[in-house]
Amino acid sequence: DLQAGKAVAERIRREIEKTEFLKGDGLKLKITVSIGVAVFPDHASAKDEIIEAADHAMYAAKSESRNRVFVAEIPKERGHV
């Protein structure tokens, strides 16, 4: 469900944010990630549509501020606002 998907995505985002990559090589690289979340049947009814909805949500997160979890918009044609 959506709440579980958001929770998992946020946990992944936090873990990546606090990890120092290539620490063993003396680099201590810090990176962040933006994650888009979409669920069946709210955001789409087919696998490729779910992926597309999550992809659009990820790009919306990146354009808004980065390093965040963003939920896909529910399509108006699905009867939701």
C-alpha atoms as a PDB file:
ATOM      1  CA  ASP A   1       0.000   0.000   0.000  1.00  0.00           C
ATOM      2  CA  LEU A   2       0.967   3.640  -0.315  1.00  0.00           C
ATOM      3  CA  GLN A   3       1.938   4.172   3.333  1.00  0.00           C
ATOM      4  CA  ALA A   4       4.255   1.149   3.288  1.00  0.00           C
ATOM      5  CA  GLY A   5       5.772   2.221  -0.032  1.00  0.00           C
ATOM      6  CA  LYS A   6       6.459   5.708   1.301  1.00  0.00           C
ATOM      7  CA  ALA A   7       7.980   4.292   4.489  1.00  0.00           C
ATOM      8  CA  VAL A   8      10.319   1.961   2.587  1.00  0.00           C
ATOM      9  CA  ALA A   9      11.336   4.716   0.171  1.00  0.00           C
ATOM     10  CA  GLU A  10      12.042   7.115   3.044  1.00  0.00           C
ATOM     11  CA  ARG A  11      14.113   4.492   4.868  1.00  0.00           C
ATOM     12  CA  ILE A  12      16.193   3.925   1.718  1.00  0.00           C
ATOM     13  CA  ARG A  13      16.594   7.686   1.227  1.00  0.00           C
ATOM     14  CA  ARG A  14      17.802   8.214   4.814  1.00  0.00           C
ATOM     15  CA  GLU A  15      20.263   5.310   4.655  1.00  0.00           C
ATOM     16  CA  ILE A  16      21.806   6.589   1.435  1.00  0.00           C
ATOM     17  CA  GLU A  17      21.981  10.144   2.798  1.00  0.00           C
ATOM     18  CA  LYS A  18      23.892   9.111   5.936  1.00  0.00           C
ATOM     19  CA  THR A  19      26.261   6.650   4.208  1.00  0.00           C
ATOM     20  CA  GLU A  20      29.818   7.686   3.363  1.00  0.00           C
ATOM     21  CA  PHE A  21      30.652   5.942   0.097  1.00  0.00           C
ATOM     22  CA  LEU A  22      34.196   4.856  -0.822  1.00  0.00           C
ATOM     23  CA  LYS A  23      35.245   5.550   2.755  1.00  0.00           C
ATOM     24  CA  GLY A  24      37.832   2.741   2.509  1.00  0.00           C
ATOM     25  CA  ASP A  25      39.468   4.624  -0.369  1.00  0.00           C
ATOM     26  CA  GLY A  26      39.668   7.799   1.728  1.00  0.00           C
ATOM     27  CA  LEU A  27      36.995   9.623  -0.279  1.00  0.00           C
ATOM     28  CA  LYS A  28      33.972   9.675   2.094  1.00  0.00           C
ATOM     29  CA  LEU A  29      31.561  10.589  -0.707  1.00  0.00           C
ATOM     30  CA  LYS A  30      28.100  11.711   0.373  1.00  0.00           C
ATOM     31  CA  ILE A  31      25.210  11.343  -2.062  1.00  0.00           C
ATOM     32  CA  THR A  32      21.472  11.840  -1.934  1.00  0.00           C
ATOM     33  CA  VAL A  33      18.599  10.257  -3.789  1.00  0.00           C
ATOM     34  CA  SER A  34      15.122  11.286  -4.873  1.00  0.00           C
ATOM     35  CA  ILE A  35      12.550   8.498  -5.023  1.00  0.00           C
ATOM     36  CA  GLY A  36       9.165   8.438  -6.737  1.00  0.00           C
ATOM     37  CA  VAL A  37       6.437   6.212  -5.301  1.00  0.00           C
ATOM     38  CA  ALA A  38       3.393   4.884  -7.170  1.00  0.00           C
ATOM     39  CA  VAL A  39       1.025   2.050  -6.238  1.00  0.00           C
ATOM     40  CA  PHE A  40      -1.528  -0.183  -7.923  1.00  0.00           C
ATOM     41  CA  PRO A  41      -4.386   0.541  -8.495  1.00  0.00           C
ATOM     42  CA  ASP A  42      -4.335   4.186  -7.331  1.00  0.00           C
ATOM     43  CA  HIS A  43      -1.750   5.492  -9.764  1.00  0.00           C
ATOM     44  CA  ALA A  44      -1.969   3.003 -12.624  1.00  0.00           C
ATOM     45  CA  SER A  45      -3.425  -0.323 -13.700  1.00  0.00           C
ATOM     46  CA  ALA A  46      -0.452  -1.804 -15.587  1.00  0.00           C
ATOM     47  CA  LYS A  47       3.189  -2.435 -14.728  1.00  0.00           C
ATOM     48  CA  ASP A  48       4.597   0.005 -17.291  1.00  0.00           C
ATOM     49  CA  GLU A  49       2.151   2.706 -16.115  1.00  0.00           C
ATOM     50  CA  ILE A  50       3.233   2.249 -12.478  1.00  0.00           C
ATOM     51  CA  ILE A  51       6.887   2.619 -13.474  1.00  0.00           C
ATOM     52  CA  GLU A  52       6.071   5.714 -15.521  1.00  0.00           C
ATOM     53  CA  ALA A  53       4.093   7.269 -12.645  1.00  0.00           C
ATOM     54  CA  ALA A  54       6.937   6.614 -10.180  1.00  0.00           C
ATOM     55  CA  ASP A  55       9.448   8.015 -12.688  1.00  0.00           C
ATOM     56  CA  HIS A  56       7.412  11.217 -13.081  1.00  0.00           C
ATOM     57  CA  ALA A  57       7.186  11.525  -9.279  1.00  0.00           C
ATOM     58  CA  MET A  58      10.967  11.099  -8.961  1.00  0.00           C
ATOM     59  CA  TYR A  59      11.608  13.879 -11.495  1.00  0.00           C
ATOM     60  CA  ALA A  60       9.086  16.105  -9.691  1.00  0.00           C
ATOM     61  CA  ALA A  61      11.029  15.536  -6.450  1.00  0.00           C
ATOM     62  CA  LYS A  62      14.306  16.385  -8.187  1.00  0.00           C
ATOM     63  CA  SER A  63      12.912  19.581  -9.702  1.00  0.00           C
ATOM     64  CA  GLU A  64      11.305  20.691  -6.437  1.00  0.00           C
ATOM     65  CA  SER A  65      14.206  20.238  -4.027  1.00  0.00           C
ATOM     66  CA  ARG A  66      16.007  16.865  -4.355  1.00  0.00           C
ATOM     67  CA  ASN A  67      16.796  14.303  -1.641  1.00  0.00           C
ATOM     68  CA  ARG A  68      13.185  13.458  -0.950  1.00  0.00           C
ATOM     69  CA  VAL A  69      10.405  10.961  -1.484  1.00  0.00           C
ATOM     70  CA  PHE A  70       7.576  12.136  -3.718  1.00  0.00           C
ATOM     71  CA  VAL A  71       4.264  10.342  -4.326  1.00  0.00           C
ATOM     72  CA  ALA A  72       2.858  10.207  -7.849  1.00  0.00           C
ATOM     73  CA  GLU A  73      -0.263  12.174  -8.620  1.00  0.00           C
ATOM     74  CA  ILE A  74      -3.425  10.153  -9.062  1.00  0.00           C
ATOM     75  CA  PRO A  75      -4.573  10.522 -12.680  1.00  0.00           C
ATOM     76  CA  LYS A  76      -7.807  12.494 -13.039  1.00  0.00           C
ATOM     77  CA  GLU A  77      -9.195   9.906 -15.459  1.00  0.00           C
ATOM     78  CA  ARG A  78      -9.145   7.359 -12.614  1.00  0.00           C
ATOM     79  CA  GLY A  79     -11.948   9.315 -10.950  1.00  0.00           C
ATOM     80  CA  HIS A  80      -9.832  10.896  -8.212  1.00  0.00           C
ATOM     81  CA  VAL A  81      -8.717  14.449  -7.678  1.00  0.00           C
END
